[in-house]
Protein backbone atom coordinates (compact mmCIF):
# COMPACT_ATOMS: atom_id res chain seq x y z
CA MET A 1 3.97 -12.65 -27.20
CA ARG A 2 6.43 -11.45 -24.79
CA TRP A 3 5.49 -7.79 -25.43
CA GLN A 4 1.75 -8.72 -24.83
CA MET A 5 2.53 -10.27 -21.54
CA VAL A 6 4.51 -7.16 -20.53
CA ILE A 7 1.68 -4.71 -21.47
CA LEU A 8 -0.63 -6.85 -19.33
CA VAL A 9 1.45 -6.67 -16.42
CA THR A 10 1.46 -2.77 -17.22
CA ALA A 11 -2.61 -2.88 -17.24
CA CYS A 12 -2.62 -4.50 -13.83
CA VAL A 13 -0.10 -1.81 -12.62
CA HIS A 14 -2.29 0.80 -14.11
CA HIS A 15 -5.56 -0.27 -12.27
CA VAL A 16 -3.58 -0.65 -8.85
CA TYR A 17 -1.99 2.74 -9.51
CA ALA A 18 -5.37 4.22 -10.15
CA ASP A 19 -7.03 2.65 -7.32
CA SER A 20 -4.61 4.14 -4.93
CA SER A 21 -4.93 7.66 -6.38
CA GLU A 22 -8.67 8.48 -5.61
CA LYS A 23 -8.23 12.02 -4.93
CA ARG A 24 -6.72 12.83 -8.46
CA ARG A 25 -8.11 14.79 -11.08
CA PHE A 26 -9.07 11.78 -13.11
CA SER A 27 -10.26 9.41 -9.99
CA ASN A 28 -11.70 6.90 -12.47
CA PRO A 29 -10.13 6.96 -15.74
CA THR A 30 -10.83 5.13 -19.17
CA TYR A 31 -7.93 6.04 -21.11
CA TYR A 32 -4.48 5.01 -20.00
CA ASN A 33 -1.18 6.30 -21.44
CA VAL A 34 1.72 3.84 -21.58
CA GLY A 35 5.21 5.16 -21.92
CA GLY A 36 8.27 3.27 -24.19
CA VAL A 37 11.76 4.23 -23.81
CA LEU A 38 13.28 1.80 -26.68
CA SER A 39 16.45 1.56 -28.43
CA SER A 40 15.59 0.91 -31.82
CA ASN A 41 12.68 2.00 -34.62
CA GLU A 42 11.69 -1.67 -34.60
CA SER A 43 11.08 -1.85 -30.98
CA ILE A 44 8.83 1.12 -31.02
CA ALA A 45 6.95 -0.14 -34.03
CA PHE A 46 6.49 -3.61 -32.17
CA PHE A 47 5.57 -1.78 -28.96
CA LYS A 48 2.91 0.19 -30.59
CA ASP A 49 1.68 -2.71 -32.34
CA ALA A 50 1.46 -4.78 -28.91
CA ILE A 51 -0.73 -1.66 -27.86
CA SER A 52 -3.12 -2.11 -30.55
CA LYS A 53 -3.56 -5.41 -30.25
CA LEU A 54 -4.16 -5.10 -26.47
CA ASN A 55 -6.88 -2.54 -27.07
CA PHE A 56 -8.65 -4.82 -29.88
CA LYS A 57 -8.57 -8.39 -27.91
CA ASP A 58 -8.05 -7.88 -24.35
CA MET A 59 -9.48 -4.99 -22.77
CA PRO A 60 -12.96 -4.62 -21.80
CA ARG A 61 -15.07 -2.02 -23.20
CA GLY A 62 -14.21 1.59 -22.47
CA ILE A 63 -10.72 0.96 -21.45
CA THR A 64 -8.21 1.91 -24.05
CA TYR A 65 -4.34 2.27 -24.03
CA HIS A 66 -2.33 4.76 -25.95
CA ALA A 67 1.13 4.22 -26.48
CA TYR A 68 4.00 7.41 -26.18
CA ASN A 69 7.51 6.40 -26.96
CA ILE A 70 10.78 8.10 -27.43
CA LEU A 71 14.33 6.47 -28.69
CA MET A 72 16.70 5.87 -25.84
CA ASP A 73 19.56 8.34 -25.93
CA PRO A 74 23.07 7.20 -25.05
CA ASN A 75 23.35 10.26 -22.87
CA PRO A 76 21.25 9.78 -19.68
CA ILE A 77 20.89 13.25 -19.17
CA LYS A 78 19.11 13.83 -22.45
CA THR A 79 17.06 10.71 -21.79
CA ALA A 80 16.04 11.84 -18.46
CA LEU A 81 14.88 15.23 -20.00
CA ASN A 82 12.91 13.47 -22.87
CA VAL A 83 11.09 11.26 -20.31
CA CYS A 84 9.80 14.54 -18.33
CA LYS A 85 9.19 16.25 -21.68
CA ASP A 86 7.33 13.37 -23.76
CA LEU A 87 6.11 10.89 -21.49
CA ILE A 88 5.50 12.34 -17.81
CA ALA A 89 3.87 15.44 -19.50
CA HIS A 90 1.42 13.24 -20.96
CA ARG A 91 0.62 11.51 -17.67
CA VAL A 92 1.75 8.02 -18.41
CA TYR A 93 0.88 5.39 -15.69
CA ALA A 94 3.93 3.24 -16.68
CA VAL A 95 7.04 3.42 -18.63
CA ILE A 96 8.54 0.36 -20.42
CA VAL A 97 12.20 0.66 -21.02
CA SER A 98 14.76 -1.41 -22.91
CA HIS A 99 18.67 -1.49 -22.86
CA PRO A 100 20.52 0.99 -25.07
CA LEU A 101 22.82 -0.44 -27.91
CA THR A 102 25.87 1.60 -26.48
CA GLY A 103 26.18 2.57 -22.81
CA ASP A 104 24.55 1.30 -19.93
CA LEU A 105 23.42 4.48 -17.76
CA SER A 106 20.09 5.54 -19.45
CA PRO A 107 17.74 2.90 -18.37
CA ALA A 108 18.67 4.12 -14.74
CA ALA A 109 18.03 7.60 -15.73
CA VAL A 110 14.58 6.64 -16.52
CA SER A 111 14.28 4.62 -13.38
CA TYR A 112 15.41 7.62 -11.25
CA THR A 113 13.17 10.24 -13.23
CA SER A 114 9.99 8.14 -13.27
CA GLY A 115 10.71 6.85 -9.61
CA PHE A 116 10.53 10.37 -8.68
CA TYR A 117 6.75 10.89 -9.94
CA HIS A 118 6.06 7.40 -8.57
CA ILE A 119 5.46 5.94 -12.13
CA PRO A 120 6.41 2.27 -12.37
CA VAL A 121 9.19 1.31 -14.60
CA ILE A 122 9.31 -2.26 -16.46
CA GLY A 123 12.39 -3.23 -17.70
CA ILE A 124 12.52 -5.83 -20.58
CA SER A 125 15.96 -6.35 -21.19
CA SER A 126 18.43 -4.77 -18.42
CA ARG A 127 20.05 -7.37 -16.69
CA ASP A 128 22.38 -5.12 -14.44
CA SER A 129 21.90 -6.10 -10.63
CA ALA A 130 21.43 -2.56 -9.46
CA PHE A 131 18.01 -2.56 -10.36
CA SER A 132 17.12 -5.26 -7.98
CA ASP A 133 18.00 -2.61 -4.94
CA LYS A 134 14.79 -1.30 -4.13
CA ASN A 135 16.24 1.57 -2.00
CA ILE A 136 17.29 3.06 -5.19
CA HIS A 137 15.12 1.69 -7.76
CA VAL A 138 11.86 1.99 -5.70
CA SER A 139 9.33 1.41 -8.86
CA PHE A 140 11.55 -0.90 -11.23
CA LEU A 141 9.86 -4.14 -12.26
CA ARG A 142 12.14 -6.61 -14.17
CA THR A 143 11.12 -9.20 -16.41
CA VAL A 144 14.51 -10.89 -16.82
CA PRO A 145 16.75 -11.77 -14.11
CA PRO A 146 20.15 -10.16 -13.35
CA TYR A 147 23.32 -11.36 -14.42
CA SER A 148 24.31 -12.46 -10.82
CA HIS A 149 21.85 -15.22 -11.30
CA GLN A 150 23.81 -17.12 -13.59
CA ALA A 151 25.92 -18.02 -10.51
CA ASP A 152 23.08 -20.56 -9.99
CA VAL A 153 24.08 -22.31 -12.90
CA TRP A 154 27.69 -22.25 -12.09
CA VAL A 155 27.05 -23.84 -8.72
CA ASP A 156 24.97 -26.63 -10.39
CA VAL A 157 27.64 -27.56 -13.24
CA LEU A 158 30.41 -27.68 -10.28
CA LYS A 159 28.22 -29.90 -8.19
CA HIS A 160 27.19 -32.24 -11.54
CA PHE A 161 31.10 -32.85 -12.11
CA ASN A 162 31.93 -32.93 -8.36
CA TYR A 163 34.24 -29.86 -8.17
CA MET A 164 34.19 -28.72 -4.73
CA LYS A 165 36.78 -25.66 -4.75
CA VAL A 166 37.32 -22.93 -6.97
CA ILE A 167 39.04 -19.62 -7.33
CA PHE A 168 36.87 -16.81 -8.21
CA ILE A 169 38.05 -13.85 -10.57
CA HIS A 170 35.68 -10.72 -11.18
CA SER A 171 35.61 -6.96 -11.78
CA SER A 172 35.40 -4.71 -9.00
CA ASP A 173 32.26 -3.35 -10.04
CA THR A 174 28.44 -3.48 -8.61
CA ASP A 175 27.58 -6.61 -10.71
CA GLY A 176 31.00 -8.43 -10.17
CA ARG A 177 30.36 -8.09 -6.55
CA ALA A 178 26.73 -9.29 -6.54
CA ILE A 179 27.70 -12.49 -8.44
CA LEU A 180 30.24 -13.39 -6.20
CA GLY A 181 27.95 -12.83 -3.18
CA ARG A 182 25.24 -14.88 -4.76
CA PHE A 183 27.59 -17.69 -5.80
CA GLN A 184 28.59 -17.93 -2.14
CA THR A 185 25.39 -17.79 -0.74
CA THR A 186 23.97 -20.60 -3.22
CA SER A 187 26.87 -22.73 -2.99
CA GLN A 188 26.65 -22.93 0.84
CA ASN A 189 23.01 -24.20 1.11
CA ILE A 190 22.50 -24.98 4.68
CA ASN A 191 20.18 -28.07 3.84
CA GLU A 192 23.01 -29.73 1.77
CA ASP A 193 25.41 -32.09 3.35
CA VAL A 194 28.80 -30.33 4.27
CA GLU A 195 30.52 -32.37 1.61
CA ARG A 196 28.34 -31.26 -1.09
CA LYS A 197 29.35 -27.79 -0.42
CA VAL A 198 31.52 -25.49 -3.01
CA VAL A 199 34.11 -23.90 -1.19
CA VAL A 200 35.62 -20.51 -3.00
CA GLU A 201 39.57 -21.08 -1.98
CA GLN A 202 40.48 -17.66 -3.41
CA VAL A 203 38.89 -14.28 -4.57
CA ILE A 204 40.65 -12.24 -7.45
CA GLU A 205 39.25 -8.89 -7.76
CA PHE A 206 40.56 -6.47 -10.52
CA GLU A 207 39.99 -3.18 -11.76
CA PRO A 208 38.21 -2.86 -14.94
CA GLY A 209 40.38 -1.58 -17.66
CA LEU A 210 43.24 -3.58 -17.06
CA ASP A 211 45.40 -5.26 -19.94
CA SER A 212 46.90 -7.99 -17.64
CA PHE A 213 46.55 -9.17 -14.20
CA SER A 214 49.44 -11.78 -14.36
CA ASP A 215 50.73 -10.73 -10.86
CA ARG A 216 47.56 -11.64 -9.09
CA LEU A 217 47.43 -14.96 -11.02
CA MET A 218 50.80 -15.85 -9.67
CA ASP A 219 49.19 -16.08 -6.15
CA VAL A 220 47.27 -19.15 -7.46
CA ARG A 221 50.08 -21.34 -7.97
CA ALA A 222 49.85 -23.26 -4.41
CA ALA A 223 46.07 -23.17 -4.62
CA GLN A 224 44.47 -26.75 -4.41
CA ALA A 225 41.59 -25.48 -6.54
CA ARG A 226 41.54 -26.57 -10.33
CA VAL A 227 38.50 -24.31 -11.49
CA PHE A 228 38.77 -20.88 -12.20
CA LEU A 229 35.47 -18.79 -12.52
CA MET A 230 35.77 -15.16 -14.14
CA TYR A 231 33.09 -12.75 -14.66
CA ALA A 232 33.97 -9.45 -16.48
CA ARG A 233 32.23 -7.18 -18.91
CA ASP A 234 33.07 -7.36 -22.25
CA GLY A 235 35.59 -5.07 -23.54
CA ILE A 236 37.33 -4.46 -20.49
CA SER A 237 40.74 -4.67 -21.58
CA ASP A 238 43.00 -3.08 -24.73
CA GLY A 239 40.44 -0.11 -25.11
CA GLY A 240 37.35 -2.38 -25.68
CA ARG A 241 38.85 -4.73 -28.46
CA SER A 242 39.05 -7.87 -26.61
CA GLY A 243 36.64 -9.70 -23.97
CA PRO A 244 37.17 -11.25 -20.72
CA ARG A 245 38.39 -14.56 -22.07
CA GLN A 246 41.05 -13.01 -23.87
CA LEU A 247 42.27 -11.02 -20.91
CA LEU A 248 42.54 -14.40 -18.83
CA GLU A 249 43.80 -16.69 -21.77
CA GLY A 250 46.68 -13.68 -22.41
CA ASN A 251 47.85 -13.94 -19.27
CA ARG A 252 50.94 -15.79 -18.21
CA ILE A 253 51.56 -17.82 -14.98
CA SER A 254 54.61 -19.94 -13.77
CA ASP A 255 54.68 -22.81 -11.11
CA GLY A 256 58.14 -21.84 -10.49
CA SER A 257 59.64 -24.75 -12.30
CA GLY A 258 60.07 -23.03 -15.64
CA PRO A 259 59.46 -19.93 -17.67
CA PRO A 260 55.87 -18.27 -17.48
CA GLU A 261 53.32 -19.86 -20.00
CA LEU A 262 49.79 -18.89 -21.24
CA VAL A 263 47.15 -19.36 -18.69
CA THR A 264 45.40 -21.91 -21.14
CA HIS A 265 48.91 -24.16 -21.25
CA TRP A 266 49.17 -24.09 -17.83
CA ALA A 267 45.56 -25.23 -17.15
CA LYS A 268 45.89 -28.06 -19.46
CA ARG A 269 49.10 -29.44 -17.68
CA GLN A 270 47.63 -28.72 -14.56
CA ARG A 271 44.43 -30.34 -15.01
CA THR A 272 42.48 -27.09 -14.23
CA LEU A 273 39.16 -26.34 -15.52
CA LEU A 274 38.75 -22.77 -16.99
CA LEU A 275 34.90 -22.55 -16.67
CA ASP A 276 33.34 -20.23 -19.49
CA VAL A 277 33.18 -16.62 -18.57
CA CYS A 278 30.13 -14.22 -18.09
CA VAL A 279 30.36 -12.15 -21.12
CA ILE A 280 28.11 -8.96 -20.96
């Protein structure tokens, strides 16, 4: 059902695209090519089936859609070359792109390449915040929200339990800064009472690839906030063997009255909430 909805959106995009291209060689096409850059053979089979059902059930007589697809390559350069060779060469009107099993640059390569030719790209699983930047991805349409929108849920949870001060920990990348910005914007709604606004008491930013940031956590000993919010990509520490929760819990902190202890032990003793991290 979700695939059929995406294809229908593609159909609408195609008609708009065709109407704005009256001077092209085929000014009134009845045959539309739809491209797909997908991560598995199962997804490709599902994509072809969705196109077939669309032609059989939903399209008016005389309008036909044809599927052209390629497997997504982890190498973004190869992906861009394949898009040119196997999709753009067939005059596709739109490209549907999923997310790769490894790496995260290939969808961006599809967007850049297709955008150069003003071909709309519909993302069905990519949740990177960068795709919302229309200055870079001019023709990218997303069907799932970016990870930064999870900040809305965090704010609702905090207000529900009446936690009004937090310490925000995030990785120094595009998504990390995006989720911090959205959290600050959402928590400072001008229509709400001042007493209901969540305050970010301290922000800790760390470089991806760290095994430990205990020295930064030492700065929170005197903080009033008892809620830690952390955003990080999975596999940022130990060469990718552990996730963000393990990175946070594996650090040690001291309140000055004794030897350093694990963050989880310190949090329980200080009645501090370690809100679940955003794992990507």
